[in-house]
Amino acid sequence: MTKCKNLESLLKHGDRFDLNGLELYKELRTLSSMLPHAKSVMDIVQFIHTSKLVDIYPNVYVATRNLLTIPVTVASGEWSFSKLKLIKTISALQ
């Protein structure tokens, strides 16, 4: 429940909240029994959306949509660029 309250604080804008931490906790507990085999956040979002449960689980829907919009870095791409820079540097020295 602490993490749900922390998320509520993070998504606070002035005196407005995007979600209610206590309600999010309750929704997650209820939803977990309905989706015991969910493998990803996307599975949860699709289930809520296709089952038309957005009004019943609004806090879970907001939290999962926010989670899906967080940018993810790809370490292998960064590694490729650093190796390319190293190759160019070595080539320039020769």
PDB file of N, CA and C in Angstrom:
ATOM      1  N   MET A   1       0.824  -1.185   0.000  1.00  0.00           N
ATOM      2  CA  MET A   1       0.000   0.000   0.000  1.00  0.00           C
ATOM      3  C   MET A   1       0.873   1.256   0.000  1.00  0.00           C
ATOM      4  N   THR A   2       2.036   1.175   0.603  1.00  0.00           N
ATOM      5  CA  THR A   2       2.937   2.324   0.651  1.00  0.00           C
ATOM      6  C   THR A   2       3.340   2.764  -0.749  1.00  0.00           C
ATOM      7  N   LYS A   3       3.608   1.799  -1.623  1.00  0.00           N
ATOM      8  CA  LYS A   3       4.013   2.140  -2.990  1.00  0.00           C
ATOM      9  C   LYS A   3       2.877   2.801  -3.755  1.00  0.00           C
ATOM     10  N   CYS A   4       1.661   2.386  -3.492  1.00  0.00           N
ATOM     11  CA  CYS A   4       0.502   3.018  -4.138  1.00  0.00           C
ATOM     12  C   CYS A   4       0.359   4.464  -3.666  1.00  0.00           C
ATOM     13  N   LYS A   5       0.569   4.698  -2.382  1.00  0.00           N
ATOM     14  CA  LYS A   5       0.504   6.068  -1.851  1.00  0.00           C
ATOM     15  C   LYS A   5       1.651   6.911  -2.403  1.00  0.00           C
ATOM     16  N   ASN A   6       2.834   6.304  -2.565  1.00  0.00           N
ATOM     17  CA  ASN A   6       3.968   7.026  -3.157  1.00  0.00           C
ATOM     18  C   ASN A   6       3.671   7.422  -4.595  1.00  0.00           C
ATOM     19  N   LEU A   7       3.051   6.522  -5.347  1.00  0.00           N
ATOM     20  CA  LEU A   7       2.683   6.829  -6.729  1.00  0.00           C
ATOM     21  C   LEU A   7       1.666   7.961  -6.766  1.00  0.00           C
ATOM     22  N   GLU A   8       0.735   7.943  -5.836  1.00  0.00           N
ATOM     23  CA  GLU A   8      -0.247   9.033  -5.735  1.00  0.00           C
ATOM     24  C   GLU A   8       0.469  10.369  -5.546  1.00  0.00           C
ATOM     25  N   SER A   9       1.456  10.395  -4.674  1.00  0.00           N
ATOM     26  CA  SER A   9       2.213  11.627  -4.420  1.00  0.00           C
ATOM     27  C   SER A   9       2.989  12.071  -5.653  1.00  0.00           C
ATOM     28  N   LEU A  10       3.573  11.112  -6.379  1.00  0.00           N
ATOM     29  CA  LEU A  10       4.341  11.447  -7.581  1.00  0.00           C
ATOM     30  C   LEU A  10       3.467  12.036  -8.681  1.00  0.00           C
ATOM     31  N   LEU A  11       2.230  11.584  -8.749  1.00  0.00           N
ATOM     32  CA  LEU A  11       1.327  12.041  -9.805  1.00  0.00           C
ATOM     33  C   LEU A  11       0.434  13.195  -9.353  1.00  0.00           C
ATOM     34  N   LYS A  12       0.803  13.827  -8.270  1.00  0.00           N
ATOM     35  CA  LYS A  12       0.037  14.961  -7.750  1.00  0.00           C
ATOM     36  C   LYS A  12       0.438  16.233  -8.490  1.00  0.00           C
ATOM     37  N   HIS A  13      -0.551  17.020  -8.851  1.00  0.00           N
ATOM     38  CA  HIS A  13      -0.330  18.300  -9.527  1.00  0.00           C
ATOM     39  C   HIS A  13      -1.040  19.380  -8.719  1.00  0.00           C
ATOM     40  N   GLY A  14      -0.284  20.060  -7.850  1.00  0.00           N
ATOM     41  CA  GLY A  14      -0.907  21.060  -6.981  1.00  0.00           C
ATOM     42  C   GLY A  14      -1.835  20.374  -6.002  1.00  0.00           C
ATOM     43  N   ASP A  15      -3.108  20.721  -6.060  1.00  0.00           N
ATOM     44  CA  ASP A  15      -4.083  20.075  -5.177  1.00  0.00           C
ATOM     45  C   ASP A  15      -4.896  19.008  -5.914  1.00  0.00           C
ATOM     46  N   ARG A  16      -4.462  18.655  -7.128  1.00  0.00           N
ATOM     47  CA  ARG A  16      -5.162  17.648  -7.933  1.00  0.00           C
ATOM     48  C   ARG A  16      -4.343  16.362  -7.991  1.00  0.00           C
ATOM     49  N   PHE A  17      -5.035  15.250  -7.961  1.00  0.00           N
ATOM     50  CA  PHE A  17      -4.395  13.934  -8.014  1.00  0.00           C
ATOM     51  C   PHE A  17      -4.857  13.194  -9.265  1.00  0.00           C
ATOM     52  N   ASP A  18      -3.930  12.510  -9.943  1.00  0.00           N
ATOM     53  CA  ASP A  18      -4.302  11.679 -11.090  1.00  0.00           C
ATOM     54  C   ASP A  18      -4.938  10.369 -10.640  1.00  0.00           C
ATOM     55  N   LEU A  19      -4.552   9.911  -9.453  1.00  0.00           N
ATOM     56  CA  LEU A  19      -5.141   8.686  -8.926  1.00  0.00           C
ATOM     57  C   LEU A  19      -5.142   8.709  -7.408  1.00  0.00           C
ATOM     58  N   ASN A  20      -5.926   7.818  -6.831  1.00  0.00           N
ATOM     59  CA  ASN A  20      -6.033   7.689  -5.386  1.00  0.00           C
ATOM     60  C   ASN A  20      -5.262   6.434  -4.976  1.00  0.00           C
ATOM     61  N   GLY A  21      -4.230   6.593  -4.161  1.00  0.00           N
ATOM     62  CA  GLY A  21      -3.367   5.484  -3.774  1.00  0.00           C
ATOM     63  C   GLY A  21      -4.085   4.362  -3.048  1.00  0.00           C
ATOM     64  N   LEU A  22      -4.966   4.701  -2.119  1.00  0.00           N
ATOM     65  CA  LEU A  22      -5.708   3.682  -1.370  1.00  0.00           C
ATOM     66  C   LEU A  22      -6.643   2.916  -2.296  1.00  0.00           C
ATOM     67  N   GLU A  23      -7.336   3.643  -3.167  1.00  0.00           N
ATOM     68  CA  GLU A  23      -8.234   2.994  -4.127  1.00  0.00           C
ATOM     69  C   GLU A  23      -7.444   2.129  -5.112  1.00  0.00           C
ATOM     70  N   LEU A  24      -6.268   2.607  -5.522  1.00  0.00           N
ATOM     71  CA  LEU A  24      -5.413   1.830  -6.420  1.00  0.00           C
ATOM     72  C   LEU A  24      -5.052   0.498  -5.771  1.00  0.00           C
ATOM     73  N   TYR A  25      -4.687   0.535  -4.508  1.00  0.00           N
ATOM     74  CA  TYR A  25      -4.332  -0.683  -3.778  1.00  0.00           C
ATOM     75  C   TYR A  25      -5.502  -1.667  -3.762  1.00  0.00           C
ATOM     76  N   LYS A  26      -6.689  -1.163  -3.464  1.00  0.00           N
ATOM     77  CA  LYS A  26      -7.885  -2.020  -3.422  1.00  0.00           C
ATOM     78  C   LYS A  26      -8.195  -2.600  -4.804  1.00  0.00           C
ATOM     79  N   GLU A  27      -8.081  -1.764  -5.830  1.00  0.00           N
ATOM     80  CA  GLU A  27      -8.345  -2.220  -7.196  1.00  0.00           C
ATOM     81  C   GLU A  27      -7.351  -3.303  -7.611  1.00  0.00           C
ATOM     82  N   LEU A  28      -6.080  -3.115  -7.270  1.00  0.00           N
ATOM     83  CA  LEU A  28      -5.056  -4.100  -7.626  1.00  0.00           C
ATOM     84  C   LEU A  28      -5.300  -5.441  -6.945  1.00  0.00           C
ATOM     85  N   ARG A  29      -5.726  -5.400  -5.702  1.00  0.00           N
ATOM     86  CA  ARG A  29      -6.015  -6.648  -4.976  1.00  0.00           C
ATOM     87  C   ARG A  29      -7.174  -7.394  -5.623  1.00  0.00           C
ATOM     88  N   THR A  30      -8.214  -6.662  -5.999  1.00  0.00           N
ATOM     89  CA  THR A  30      -9.370  -7.285  -6.645  1.00  0.00           C
ATOM     90  C   THR A  30      -8.996  -7.819  -8.022  1.00  0.00           C
ATOM     91  N   LEU A  31      -8.290  -7.006  -8.777  1.00  0.00           N
ATOM     92  CA  LEU A  31      -7.925  -7.368 -10.145  1.00  0.00           C
ATOM     93  C   LEU A  31      -6.945  -8.537 -10.189  1.00  0.00           C
ATOM     94  N   SER A  32      -6.088  -8.659  -9.196  1.00  0.00           N
ATOM     95  CA  SER A  32      -5.097  -9.747  -9.195  1.00  0.00           C
ATOM     96  C   SER A  32      -5.761 -11.118  -9.144  1.00  0.00           C
ATOM     97  N   SER A  33      -6.913 -11.211  -8.500  1.00  0.00           N
ATOM     98  CA  SER A  33      -7.616 -12.498  -8.470  1.00  0.00           C
ATOM     99  C   SER A  33      -8.289 -12.795  -9.806  1.00  0.00           C
ATOM    100  N   MET A  34      -8.594 -11.754 -10.575  1.00  0.00           N
ATOM    101  CA  MET A  34      -9.220 -11.936 -11.887  1.00  0.00           C
ATOM    102  C   MET A  34      -8.187 -12.234 -12.968  1.00  0.00           C
ATOM    103  N   LEU A  35      -6.946 -11.814 -12.752  1.00  0.00           N
ATOM    104  CA  LEU A  35      -5.878 -11.969 -13.747  1.00  0.00           C
ATOM    105  C   LEU A  35      -4.663 -12.679 -13.154  1.00  0.00           C
ATOM    106  N   PRO A  36      -4.810 -13.903 -12.698  1.00  0.00           N
ATOM    107  CA  PRO A  36      -3.658 -14.561 -12.071  1.00  0.00           C
ATOM    108  C   PRO A  36      -2.528 -14.885 -13.044  1.00  0.00           C
ATOM    109  N   HIS A  37      -2.829 -14.929 -14.345  1.00  0.00           N
ATOM    110  CA  HIS A  37      -1.809 -15.320 -15.320  1.00  0.00           C
ATOM    111  C   HIS A  37      -1.367 -14.169 -16.210  1.00  0.00           C
ATOM    112  N   ALA A  38      -1.633 -12.942 -15.810  1.00  0.00           N
ATOM    113  CA  ALA A  38      -1.191 -11.788 -16.605  1.00  0.00           C
ATOM    114  C   ALA A  38       0.329 -11.767 -16.622  1.00  0.00           C
ATOM    115  N   LYS A  39       0.900 -11.661 -17.810  1.00  0.00           N
ATOM    116  CA  LYS A  39       2.353 -11.701 -17.957  1.00  0.00           C
ATOM    117  C   LYS A  39       2.976 -10.318 -18.080  1.00  0.00           C
ATOM    118  N   SER A  40       2.161  -9.320 -18.407  1.00  0.00           N
ATOM    119  CA  SER A  40       2.722  -7.988 -18.612  1.00  0.00           C
ATOM    120  C   SER A  40       1.697  -6.917 -18.260  1.00  0.00           C
ATOM    121  N   VAL A  41       2.186  -5.700 -18.180  1.00  0.00           N
ATOM    122  CA  VAL A  41       1.311  -4.553 -17.925  1.00  0.00           C
ATOM    123  C   VAL A  41       0.334  -4.392 -19.083  1.00  0.00           C
ATOM    124  N   MET A  42       0.814  -4.663 -20.285  1.00  0.00           N
ATOM    125  CA  MET A  42      -0.046  -4.551 -21.461  1.00  0.00           C
ATOM    126  C   MET A  42      -1.220  -5.521 -21.375  1.00  0.00           C
ATOM    127  N   ASP A  43      -1.012  -6.712 -20.828  1.00  0.00           N
ATOM    128  CA  ASP A  43      -2.105  -7.673 -20.636  1.00  0.00           C
ATOM    129  C   ASP A  43      -3.188  -7.078 -19.744  1.00  0.00           C
ATOM    130  N   ILE A  44      -2.771  -6.390 -18.698  1.00  0.00           N
ATOM    131  CA  ILE A  44      -3.720  -5.784 -17.763  1.00  0.00           C
ATOM    132  C   ILE A  44      -4.506  -4.675 -18.444  1.00  0.00           C
ATOM    133  N   VAL A  45      -3.817  -3.803 -19.166  1.00  0.00           N
ATOM    134  CA  VAL A  45      -4.485  -2.695 -19.862  1.00  0.00           C
ATOM    135  C   VAL A  45      -5.475  -3.238 -20.885  1.00  0.00           C
ATOM    136  N   GLN A  46      -5.063  -4.232 -21.656  1.00  0.00           N
ATOM    137  CA  GLN A  46      -5.955  -4.801 -22.666  1.00  0.00           C
ATOM    138  C   GLN A  46      -7.174  -5.453 -22.026  1.00  0.00           C
ATOM    139  N   PHE A  47      -6.978  -6.153 -20.924  1.00  0.00           N
ATOM    140  CA  PHE A  47      -8.104  -6.784 -20.235  1.00  0.00           C
ATOM    141  C   PHE A  47      -9.098  -5.736 -19.750  1.00  0.00           C
ATOM    142  N   ILE A  48      -8.601  -4.699 -19.105  1.00  0.00           N
ATOM    143  CA  ILE A  48      -9.484  -3.648 -18.587  1.00  0.00           C
ATOM    144  C   ILE A  48     -10.224  -2.961 -19.728  1.00  0.00           C
ATOM    145  N   HIS A  49      -9.513  -2.686 -20.810  1.00  0.00           N
ATOM    146  CA  HIS A  49     -10.116  -1.976 -21.939  1.00  0.00           C
ATOM    147  C   HIS A  49     -11.138  -2.847 -22.682  1.00  0.00           C
ATOM    148  N   THR A  50     -10.751  -4.072 -23.027  1.00  0.00           N
ATOM    149  CA  THR A  50     -11.664  -4.930 -23.800  1.00  0.00           C
ATOM    150  C   THR A  50     -12.862  -5.394 -22.978  1.00  0.00           C
ATOM    151  N   SER A  51     -12.698  -5.510 -21.675  1.00  0.00           N
ATOM    152  CA  SER A  51     -13.806  -5.912 -20.806  1.00  0.00           C
ATOM    153  C   SER A  51     -14.663  -4.727 -20.379  1.00  0.00           C
ATOM    154  N   LYS A  52     -14.293  -3.548 -20.863  1.00  0.00           N
ATOM    155  CA  LYS A  52     -15.014  -2.309 -20.527  1.00  0.00           C
ATOM    156  C   LYS A  52     -15.093  -2.096 -19.008  1.00  0.00           C
ATOM    157  N   LEU A  53     -13.939  -2.262 -18.355  1.00  0.00           N
ATOM    158  CA  LEU A  53     -13.847  -2.115 -16.902  1.00  0.00           C
ATOM    159  C   LEU A  53     -13.105  -0.845 -16.486  1.00  0.00           C
ATOM    160  N   VAL A  54     -12.928   0.078 -17.423  1.00  0.00           N
ATOM    161  CA  VAL A  54     -12.183   1.308 -17.125  1.00  0.00           C
ATOM    162  C   VAL A  54     -12.858   2.087 -15.998  1.00  0.00           C
ATOM    163  N   ASP A  55     -14.189   2.122 -15.997  1.00  0.00           N
ATOM    164  CA  ASP A  55     -14.908   2.851 -14.944  1.00  0.00           C
ATOM    165  C   ASP A  55     -14.839   2.143 -13.594  1.00  0.00           C
ATOM    166  N   ILE A  56     -14.618   0.837 -13.608  1.00  0.00           N
ATOM    167  CA  ILE A  56     -14.543   0.072 -12.360  1.00  0.00           C
ATOM    168  C   ILE A  56     -13.134   0.108 -11.773  1.00  0.00           C
ATOM    169  N   TYR A  57     -12.113   0.150 -12.644  1.00  0.00           N
ATOM    170  CA  TYR A  57     -10.716   0.184 -12.212  1.00  0.00           C
ATOM    171  C   TYR A  57     -10.000   1.421 -12.764  1.00  0.00           C
ATOM    172  N   PRO A  58     -10.493   2.616 -12.472  1.00  0.00           N
ATOM    173  CA  PRO A  58      -9.890   3.814 -13.070  1.00  0.00           C
ATOM    174  C   PRO A  58      -8.456   4.072 -12.615  1.00  0.00           C
ATOM    175  N   ASN A  59      -8.156   3.783 -11.370  1.00  0.00           N
ATOM    176  CA  ASN A  59      -6.810   4.042 -10.853  1.00  0.00           C
ATOM    177  C   ASN A  59      -5.784   3.085 -11.451  1.00  0.00           C
ATOM    178  N   VAL A  60      -6.151   1.819 -11.607  1.00  0.00           N
ATOM    179  CA  VAL A  60      -5.254   0.847 -12.238  1.00  0.00           C
ATOM    180  C   VAL A  60      -5.032   1.239 -13.689  1.00  0.00           C
ATOM    181  N   TYR A  61      -6.089   1.674 -14.355  1.00  0.00           N
ATOM    182  CA  TYR A  61      -5.976   2.053 -15.763  1.00  0.00           C
ATOM    183  C   TYR A  61      -5.030   3.243 -15.929  1.00  0.00           C
ATOM    184  N   VAL A  62      -5.164   4.248 -15.082  1.00  0.00           N
ATOM    185  CA  VAL A  62      -4.281   5.423 -15.148  1.00  0.00           C
ATOM    186  C   VAL A  62      -2.838   5.021 -14.844  1.00  0.00           C
ATOM    187  N   ALA A  63      -2.635   4.227 -13.802  1.00  0.00           N
ATOM    188  CA  ALA A  63      -1.279   3.827 -13.409  1.00  0.00           C
ATOM    189  C   ALA A  63      -0.602   3.002 -14.501  1.00  0.00           C
ATOM    190  N   THR A  64      -1.329   2.065 -15.094  1.00  0.00           N
ATOM    191  CA  THR A  64      -0.724   1.220 -16.121  1.00  0.00           C
ATOM    192  C   THR A  64      -0.457   1.998 -17.405  1.00  0.00           C
ATOM    193  N   ARG A  65      -1.342   2.903 -17.769  1.00  0.00           N
ATOM    194  CA  ARG A  65      -1.093   3.726 -18.960  1.00  0.00           C
ATOM    195  C   ARG A  65       0.126   4.611 -18.748  1.00  0.00           C
ATOM    196  N   ASN A  66       0.273   5.178 -17.554  1.00  0.00           N
ATOM    197  CA  ASN A  66       1.458   5.985 -17.254  1.00  0.00           C
ATOM    198  C   ASN A  66       2.718   5.132 -17.319  1.00  0.00           C
ATOM    199  N   LEU A  67       2.647   3.930 -16.794  1.00  0.00           N
ATOM    200  CA  LEU A  67       3.797   3.034 -16.820  1.00  0.00           C
ATOM    201  C   LEU A  67       4.213   2.705 -18.251  1.00  0.00           C
ATOM    202  N   LEU A  68       3.246   2.528 -19.120  1.00  0.00           N
ATOM    203  CA  LEU A  68       3.547   2.178 -20.509  1.00  0.00           C
ATOM    204  C   LEU A  68       4.109   3.340 -21.313  1.00  0.00           C
ATOM    205  N   THR A  69       4.012   4.554 -20.795  1.00  0.00           N
ATOM    206  CA  THR A  69       4.540   5.709 -21.530  1.00  0.00           C
ATOM    207  C   THR A  69       5.929   6.132 -21.067  1.00  0.00           C
ATOM    208  N   ILE A  70       6.486   5.436 -20.076  1.00  0.00           N
ATOM    209  CA  ILE A  70       7.829   5.764 -19.593  1.00  0.00           C
ATOM    210  C   ILE A  70       8.844   5.314 -20.637  1.00  0.00           C
ATOM    211  N   PRO A  71       9.721   6.217 -21.075  1.00  0.00           N
ATOM    212  CA  PRO A  71      10.714   5.815 -22.075  1.00  0.00           C
ATOM    213  C   PRO A  71      11.710   4.809 -21.500  1.00  0.00           C
ATOM    214  N   VAL A  72      12.120   3.891 -22.341  1.00  0.00           N
ATOM    215  CA  VAL A  72      13.063   2.850 -21.937  1.00  0.00           C
ATOM    216  C   VAL A  72      14.313   2.989 -22.795  1.00  0.00           C
ATOM    217  N   THR A  73      15.479   2.955 -22.162  1.00  0.00           N
ATOM    218  CA  THR A  73      16.722   3.019 -22.936  1.00  0.00           C
ATOM    219  C   THR A  73      17.132   1.616 -23.339  1.00  0.00           C
ATOM    220  N   VAL A  74      17.826   1.543 -24.423  1.00  0.00           N
ATOM    221  CA  VAL A  74      18.313   0.257 -24.912  1.00  0.00           C
ATOM    222  C   VAL A  74      19.829   0.265 -24.778  1.00  0.00           C
ATOM    223  N   ALA A  75      20.318  -0.498 -23.825  1.00  0.00           N
ATOM    224  CA  ALA A  75      21.756  -0.514 -23.550  1.00  0.00           C
ATOM    225  C   ALA A  75      22.551  -1.024 -24.742  1.00  0.00           C
ATOM    226  N   SER A  76      22.017  -1.965 -25.487  1.00  0.00           N
ATOM    227  CA  SER A  76      22.769  -2.499 -26.627  1.00  0.00           C
ATOM    228  C   SER A  76      22.976  -1.430 -27.689  1.00  0.00           C
ATOM    229  N   GLY A  77      21.989  -0.553 -27.878  1.00  0.00           N
ATOM    230  CA  GLY A  77      22.145   0.556 -28.820  1.00  0.00           C
ATOM    231  C   GLY A  77      23.210   1.528 -28.363  1.00  0.00           C
ATOM    232  N   GLU A  78      23.230   1.823 -27.082  1.00  0.00           N
ATOM    233  CA  GLU A  78      24.252   2.713 -26.529  1.00  0.00           C
ATOM    234  C   GLU A  78      25.631   2.072 -26.660  1.00  0.00           C
ATOM    235  N   TRP A  79      25.716   0.770 -26.446  1.00  0.00           N
ATOM    236  CA  TRP A  79      26.976   0.053 -26.561  1.00  0.00           C
ATOM    237  C   TRP A  79      27.490   0.144 -27.997  1.00  0.00           C
ATOM    238  N   SER A  80      26.591  -0.001 -28.977  1.00  0.00           N
ATOM    239  CA  SER A  80      26.999   0.069 -30.386  1.00  0.00           C
ATOM    240  C   SER A  80      27.596   1.424 -30.717  1.00  0.00           C
ATOM    241  N   PHE A  81      26.965   2.497 -30.222  1.00  0.00           N
ATOM    242  CA  PHE A  81      27.475   3.829 -30.511  1.00  0.00           C
ATOM    243  C   PHE A  81      28.825   4.069 -29.840  1.00  0.00           C
ATOM    244  N   SER A  82      29.009   3.567 -28.621  1.00  0.00           N
ATOM    245  CA  SER A  82      30.295   3.772 -27.951  1.00  0.00           C
ATOM    246  C   SER A  82      31.397   2.986 -28.662  1.00  0.00           C
ATOM    247  N   LYS A  83      31.090   1.798 -29.164  1.00  0.00           N
ATOM    248  CA  LYS A  83      32.072   1.016 -29.922  1.00  0.00           C
ATOM    249  C   LYS A  83      32.401   1.710 -31.238  1.00  0.00           C
ATOM    250  N   LEU A  84      31.391   2.299 -31.883  1.00  0.00           N
ATOM    251  CA  LEU A  84      31.618   3.027 -33.128  1.00  0.00           C
ATOM    252  C   LEU A  84      32.544   4.214 -32.891  1.00  0.00           C
ATOM    253  N   LYS A  85      32.327   4.923 -31.788  1.00  0.00           N
ATOM    254  CA  LYS A  85      33.190   6.061 -31.456  1.00  0.00           C
ATOM    255  C   LYS A  85      34.625   5.588 -31.222  1.00  0.00           C
ATOM    256  N   LEU A  86      34.779   4.468 -30.541  1.00  0.00           N
ATOM    257  CA  LEU A  86      36.108   3.910 -30.281  1.00  0.00           C
ATOM    258  C   LEU A  86      36.808   3.541 -31.591  1.00  0.00           C
ATOM    259  N   ILE A  87      36.079   2.929 -32.503  1.00  0.00           N
ATOM    260  CA  ILE A  87      36.653   2.557 -33.806  1.00  0.00           C
ATOM    261  C   ILE A  87      37.086   3.800 -34.574  1.00  0.00           C
ATOM    262  N   LYS A  88      36.252   4.832 -34.562  1.00  0.00           N
ATOM    263  CA  LYS A  88      36.597   6.076 -35.266  1.00  0.00           C
ATOM    264  C   LYS A  88      37.830   6.728 -34.646  1.00  0.00           C
ATOM    265  N   THR A  89      37.924   6.697 -33.328  1.00  0.00           N
ATOM    266  CA  THR A  89      39.072   7.289 -32.638  1.00  0.00           C
ATOM    267  C   THR A  89      40.349   6.538 -32.990  1.00  0.00           C
ATOM    268  N   ILE A  90      40.297   5.224 -32.969  1.00  0.00           N
ATOM    269  CA  ILE A  90      41.474   4.418 -33.310  1.00  0.00           C
ATOM    270  C   ILE A  90      41.868   4.648 -34.764  1.00  0.00           C
ATOM    271  N   SER A  91      40.889   4.711 -35.654  1.00  0.00           N
ATOM    272  CA  SER A  91      41.166   4.950 -37.081  1.00  0.00           C
ATOM    273  C   SER A  91      41.807   6.309 -37.296  1.00  0.00           C
ATOM    274  N   ALA A  92      41.375   7.302 -36.554  1.00  0.00           N
ATOM    275  CA  ALA A  92      41.923   8.651 -36.700  1.00  0.00           C
ATOM    276  C   ALA A  92      43.369   8.717 -36.217  1.00  0.00           C
ATOM    277  N   LEU A  93      43.726   7.907 -35.242  1.00  0.00           N
ATOM    278  CA  LEU A  93      45.084   7.904 -34.707  1.00  0.00           C
ATOM    279  C   LEU A  93      46.069   7.193 -35.627  1.00  0.00           C
ATOM    280  N   GLN A  94      45.601   6.353 -36.502  1.00  0.00           N
ATOM    281  CA  GLN A  94      46.505   5.575 -37.368  1.00  0.00           C
ATOM    282  C   GLN A  94      46.859   6.298 -38.617  1.00  0.00           C
TER     283      GLN A  94
END
